[in-house]
C-alpha atoms as a PDB file:
ATOM      1  CA  MET A   1      13.795   8.420 -26.678  1.00  0.00           C
ATOM      2  CA  GLU A   2      14.202   4.835 -28.033  1.00  0.00           C
ATOM      3  CA  ARG A   3      18.242   3.953 -28.908  1.00  0.00           C
ATOM      4  CA  ASN A   4      17.350   1.068 -30.972  1.00  0.00           C
ATOM      5  CA  VAL A   5      14.550   2.037 -33.262  1.00  0.00           C
ATOM      6  CA  ASN A   6      14.777   2.897 -37.077  1.00  0.00           C
ATOM      7  CA  LEU A   7      15.074   6.559 -38.163  1.00  0.00           C
ATOM      8  CA  PRO A   8      11.633   6.493 -39.485  1.00  0.00           C
ATOM      9  CA  GLU A   9      10.234   5.447 -36.137  1.00  0.00           C
ATOM     10  CA  TYR A  10      13.200   8.262 -34.599  1.00  0.00           C
ATOM     11  CA  LEU A  11      11.536  11.072 -36.622  1.00  0.00           C
ATOM     12  CA  ARG A  12       7.690  10.066 -35.396  1.00  0.00           C
ATOM     13  CA  GLN A  13       9.103   9.978 -31.857  1.00  0.00           C
ATOM     14  CA  LEU A  14      10.680  13.195 -32.193  1.00  0.00           C
ATOM     15  CA  ARG A  15       7.832  14.975 -33.548  1.00  0.00           C
ATOM     16  CA  LYS A  16       5.132  13.539 -31.330  1.00  0.00           C
ATOM     17  CA  SER A  17       7.257  14.311 -27.973  1.00  0.00           C
ATOM     18  CA  ARG A  18       7.421  17.862 -28.853  1.00  0.00           C
ATOM     19  CA  HIS A  19       3.567  17.812 -29.820  1.00  0.00           C
ATOM     20  CA  TYR A  20       3.984  18.653 -33.106  1.00  0.00           C
ATOM     21  CA  LYS A  21       2.017  17.642 -36.194  1.00  0.00           C
ATOM     22  CA  GLN A  22       3.449  16.340 -40.061  1.00  0.00           C
ATOM     23  CA  GLU A  23       2.325  19.702 -41.631  1.00  0.00           C
ATOM     24  CA  ASP A  24       4.707  21.990 -38.711  1.00  0.00           C
ATOM     25  CA  ILE A  25       7.257  19.367 -39.585  1.00  0.00           C
ATOM     26  CA  ALA A  26       7.029  20.102 -43.279  1.00  0.00           C
ATOM     27  CA  LEU A  27       6.548  23.747 -43.069  1.00  0.00           C
ATOM     28  CA  GLN A  28       9.736  23.976 -41.381  1.00  0.00           C
ATOM     29  CA  LEU A  29      11.594  22.087 -43.739  1.00  0.00           C
ATOM     30  CA  GLN A  30       9.600  23.348 -46.619  1.00  0.00           C
ATOM     31  CA  ILE A  31       8.438  20.295 -47.974  1.00  0.00           C
ATOM     32  CA  SER A  32       5.096  18.825 -48.943  1.00  0.00           C
ATOM     33  CA  ARG A  33       3.314  16.833 -45.588  1.00  0.00           C
ATOM     34  CA  GLN A  34       3.073  13.821 -47.637  1.00  0.00           C
ATOM     35  CA  THR A  35       7.077  14.299 -48.201  1.00  0.00           C
ATOM     36  CA  TYR A  36       7.345  14.105 -44.750  1.00  0.00           C
ATOM     37  CA  SER A  37       5.093  11.549 -44.218  1.00  0.00           C
ATOM     38  CA  HIS A  38       7.337   9.100 -46.098  1.00  0.00           C
ATOM     39  CA  TYR A  39      10.010   9.732 -43.940  1.00  0.00           C
ATOM     40  CA  GLU A  40       8.407   8.721 -41.106  1.00  0.00           C
ATOM     41  CA  THR A  41       7.010   5.124 -42.763  1.00  0.00           C
ATOM     42  CA  GLY A  42      10.360   4.836 -43.957  1.00  0.00           C
ATOM     43  CA  ARG A  43       8.967   5.121 -47.825  1.00  0.00           C
ATOM     44  CA  ILE A  44      11.745   7.590 -48.855  1.00  0.00           C
ATOM     45  CA  ARG A  45      14.911   8.331 -47.082  1.00  0.00           C
ATOM     46  CA  PRO A  46      15.930  12.074 -46.078  1.00  0.00           C
ATOM     47  CA  SER A  47      19.069  13.793 -47.752  1.00  0.00           C
ATOM     48  CA  ILE A  48      21.382  14.548 -45.387  1.00  0.00           C
ATOM     49  CA  HIS A  49      20.543  18.236 -45.983  1.00  0.00           C
ATOM     50  CA  VAL A  50      17.298  17.704 -44.624  1.00  0.00           C
ATOM     51  CA  LEU A  51      18.422  15.658 -41.511  1.00  0.00           C
ATOM     52  CA  TYR A  52      20.910  18.436 -40.675  1.00  0.00           C
ATOM     53  CA  LYS A  53      17.794  20.650 -40.672  1.00  0.00           C
ATOM     54  CA  LEU A  54      15.738  18.116 -38.410  1.00  0.00           C
ATOM     55  CA  ALA A  55      18.547  17.871 -35.902  1.00  0.00           C
ATOM     56  CA  LYS A  56      18.749  21.812 -36.011  1.00  0.00           C
ATOM     57  CA  PHE A  57      15.152  22.451 -35.701  1.00  0.00           C
ATOM     58  CA  TYR A  58      14.685  19.550 -32.958  1.00  0.00           C
ATOM     59  CA  GLY A  59      17.749  20.852 -31.022  1.00  0.00           C
ATOM     60  CA  VAL A  60      19.764  17.464 -31.367  1.00  0.00           C
ATOM     61  CA  SER A  61      22.805  16.458 -32.932  1.00  0.00           C
ATOM     62  CA  ALA A  62      23.455  15.095 -36.735  1.00  0.00           C
ATOM     63  CA  ASP A  63      25.003  12.387 -35.309  1.00  0.00           C
ATOM     64  CA  GLU A  64      21.599  11.372 -33.066  1.00  0.00           C
ATOM     65  CA  ILE A  65      19.979  11.367 -36.011  1.00  0.00           C
ATOM     66  CA  LEU A  66      22.233   9.164 -37.951  1.00  0.00           C
ATOM     67  CA  GLU A  67      22.519   6.826 -35.330  1.00  0.00           C
ATOM     68  CA  HIS A  68      19.145   5.416 -36.389  1.00  0.00           C
ATOM     69  CA  MET A  69      20.043   5.139 -40.079  1.00  0.00           C
ATOM     70  CA  GLU A  70      21.809   1.576 -40.044  1.00  0.00           C
ATOM     71  CA  GLU A  71      18.907  -0.164 -39.850  1.00  0.00           C
ATOM     72  CA  LEU A  72      16.717   1.483 -42.382  1.00  0.00           C
ATOM     73  CA  PRO A  73      17.318  -0.042 -46.077  1.00  0.00           C
ATOM     74  CA  PHE A  74      18.560   2.082 -48.763  1.00  0.00           C
ATOM     75  CA  LYS A  75      16.160   3.023 -51.220  1.00  0.00           C
ATOM     76  CA  GLN A  76      17.574   4.314 -53.982  1.00  0.00           C
ATOM     77  CA  GLU A  77      14.644   4.123 -56.913  1.00  0.00           C
ATOM     78  CA  GLU A  78      12.428   6.392 -54.382  1.00  0.00           C
ATOM     79  CA  MET A  79      15.299   8.713 -53.450  1.00  0.00           C
ATOM     80  CA  GLU A  80      15.196   9.487 -57.020  1.00  0.00           C
ATOM     81  CA  GLU A  81      11.872   9.670 -57.794  1.00  0.00           C
ATOM     82  CA  GLU A  82      11.761  11.821 -54.710  1.00  0.00           C
ATOM     83  CA  GLN A  83      14.516  14.476 -56.399  1.00  0.00           C
ATOM     84  CA  ASP A  84      12.793  14.320 -59.721  1.00  0.00           C
ATOM     85  CA  ARG A  85       9.665  15.495 -57.935  1.00  0.00           C
ATOM     86  CA  ARG A  86      11.725  18.219 -56.691  1.00  0.00           C
ATOM     87  CA  GLY A  87      13.805  18.905 -60.067  1.00  0.00           C
ATOM     88  CA  LYS A  88      17.095  18.098 -58.689  1.00  0.00           C
ATOM     89  CA  SER A  89      18.834  15.446 -59.989  1.00  0.00           C
ATOM     90  CA  ASP A  90      21.119  13.159 -58.361  1.00  0.00           C
ATOM     91  CA  ILE A  91      24.796  14.333 -57.820  1.00  0.00           C
ATOM     92  CA  ARG A  92      25.913  10.775 -58.459  1.00  0.00           C
ATOM     93  CA  THR A  93      24.132  10.666 -61.755  1.00  0.00           C
ATOM     94  CA  GLY A  94      25.961  14.189 -62.617  1.00  0.00           C
ATOM     95  CA  ILE A  95      29.404  12.310 -61.014  1.00  0.00           C
ATOM     96  CA  LEU A  96      29.028   8.968 -63.216  1.00  0.00           C
ATOM     97  CA  GLY A  97      27.897  11.217 -66.369  1.00  0.00           C
ATOM     98  CA  LEU A  98      30.720  12.960 -66.450  1.00  0.00           C
ATOM     99  CA  SER A  99      33.502  10.583 -65.770  1.00  0.00           C
ATOM    100  CA  ALA A 100      31.690   8.467 -68.646  1.00  0.00           C
ATOM    101  CA  SER A 101      31.789  11.660 -70.895  1.00  0.00           C
ATOM    102  CA  ALA A 102      35.681  12.163 -69.577  1.00  0.00           C
ATOM    103  CA  GLU A 103      36.623   8.904 -70.904  1.00  0.00           C
ATOM    104  CA  SER A 104      34.897   9.178 -74.116  1.00  0.00           C
ATOM    105  CA  GLU A 105      36.676  12.292 -75.404  1.00  0.00           C
ATOM    106  CA  LYS A 106      40.518  12.670 -75.838  1.00  0.00           C
ATOM    107  CA  PRO A 107      42.875  15.817 -75.020  1.00  0.00           C
ATOM    108  CA  CYS A 108      45.051  16.762 -78.036  1.00  0.00           C
ATOM    109  CA  GLY A 109      46.557  20.464 -77.391  1.00  0.00           C
ATOM    110  CA  ASP A 110      44.088  22.422 -76.604  1.00  0.00           C
ATOM    111  CA  ALA A 111      41.162  20.762 -78.457  1.00  0.00           C
ATOM    112  CA  VAL A 112      39.303  18.077 -77.306  1.00  0.00           C
ATOM    113  CA  TYR A 113      38.669  15.146 -79.597  1.00  0.00           C
ATOM    114  CA  HIS A 114      35.418  13.006 -79.090  1.00  0.00           C
ATOM    115  CA  VAL A 115      36.278   9.208 -79.260  1.00  0.00           C
ATOM    116  CA  GLY A 116      33.752   6.766 -80.687  1.00  0.00           C
ATOM    117  CA  ASN A 117      30.734   6.288 -83.269  1.00  0.00           C
ATOM    118  CA  HIS A 118      30.240   9.954 -85.001  1.00  0.00           C
ATOM    119  CA  ALA A 119      27.653   9.636 -87.637  1.00  0.00           C
ATOM    120  CA  GLY A 120      28.210  11.644 -91.072  1.00  0.00           C
END
């Protein structure tokens, strides 16, 4: 395998060197062939969980795969779209939502009072 390739190209090389089809890998990852194809074209960046499963499947270290990620531009919108398609929310959105929510609530004894505009 070439060391100086980006993640999509590396994933393609791994798959082809072992004579798999995209459908084979997608089945192992329990994703659609189209989603896996997007990983190989760079349209979607695989989650860390998927990268771990790929490393395990191919018998390479997670570090081996992660070395190729630094050359891949981050495409936040497409990752979020993929997560929405799978019905999972982005954990950062949840964390940001919690921190925003926490800032608008002020504890007072055992009760929590919401600060801000209230209708009524």
